[in-house]
Amino acid sequence: MDIRNIREKAPEVNDYLRAIFELGREQFNGYLNIEKLPTPPFNINTPKNQVILKDFTSRVIEELSEGYCDMVNIHNILNSVGYNVFKLTTDEYKCMMNSLYNINEEQVDALGFFIPLFLYSNINSSDIYSFCNTQMDIDINTTDKLLSSTTAILYRDGIDEVIERYNCYSIFDIQVFKNFNLDMDYEDESEIVMKYDSISECIPGFTLFNRKKLELNIKLLWYITHKLNIARNLLKSRPWKQTGVMTRELEYQEALVMAFLYFLHYLMVNGFTGSKLYKLFFKKQRLNLWRQRTGY
């Protein structure tokens, strides 16, 4: 069972980021007992608690890395046919689509691990908005505006190459879907569109591809993981050290928030909007709640 099996629709909300935090908090509360974890927030200066923070940082990076592996798999499949999707065999198409599902799901898995990091570090959605308001003097009310503001923040930091746009090939649109589903018995065009729409809900991003886009994503992934490791390295209370070292908490929190903004920008570059991110995260949250109930 995966996100494709979740039929429940996400409620309409006005603030996507706040809604994501609420979903993430509910999901994480279910795992506290399963993993025998302390309730957030906590003192980030103890060695034991810093091990937990570093673990969740590693989980974010692991999900991003898994998504990159699927991205490379798609690139290799497309490269073998000169990026002409219609030259793919049915088996190649199915393999590519499976990787496409995985990439999208792994992004919301990474998001699901970002939330505990924030909760343990005493960071809420309002704090992220405040940070952006302070950094860019922009009034930010929704995740969509937050996604757009990341471009300005990165440009300010001299990372202008990450906002370039490339002409890309669609690896999943209605024509591609029809081409590889000719053997399916549809009564009329509307059935094809409905089926396509239901699948599209699970793959809102990473459907436009070319070689340069892969290079761009490698850069973006490095920016995210580098900021995460800066945050991680600010946690100096090693288990083997006899003396404690107080964390420069504001620097730590800023590094985490910047990693998150890089992550949001990475998603935006690959086709996500605030609404799409919220709706996909809702599906994965509902799946994880089912897993918690059933002992999966």
Foldseek 3Di string as FASTA:
>chain_A
DALLPDPDFDDDDDALQQLLLVLLLVLVVLCCVVVVHDFDADALFAQVNLVVLVVLLVQLLVLQVLLLVLVVLLVVLCVVVVNPLLPHDLVSLVSNLVSLLSNLLSLLSSVSSLSVSCRRLVHHPVNLQVVLCVQPVDNDRYVQVLLVSLQVVVVVVVNPVLPDADQFDFNDDLVSQCSSCVVDDDPDPVVSVVVSVSSCLSRQFQRTDDDVLSVSLVVLSCLLSVLSVVLSVQRPQHPPDPDTDDGPSVSSVVSSSNSVSSSSNSRVSGRDGSVSSSRNSVSRSVVSVVCSVVVD
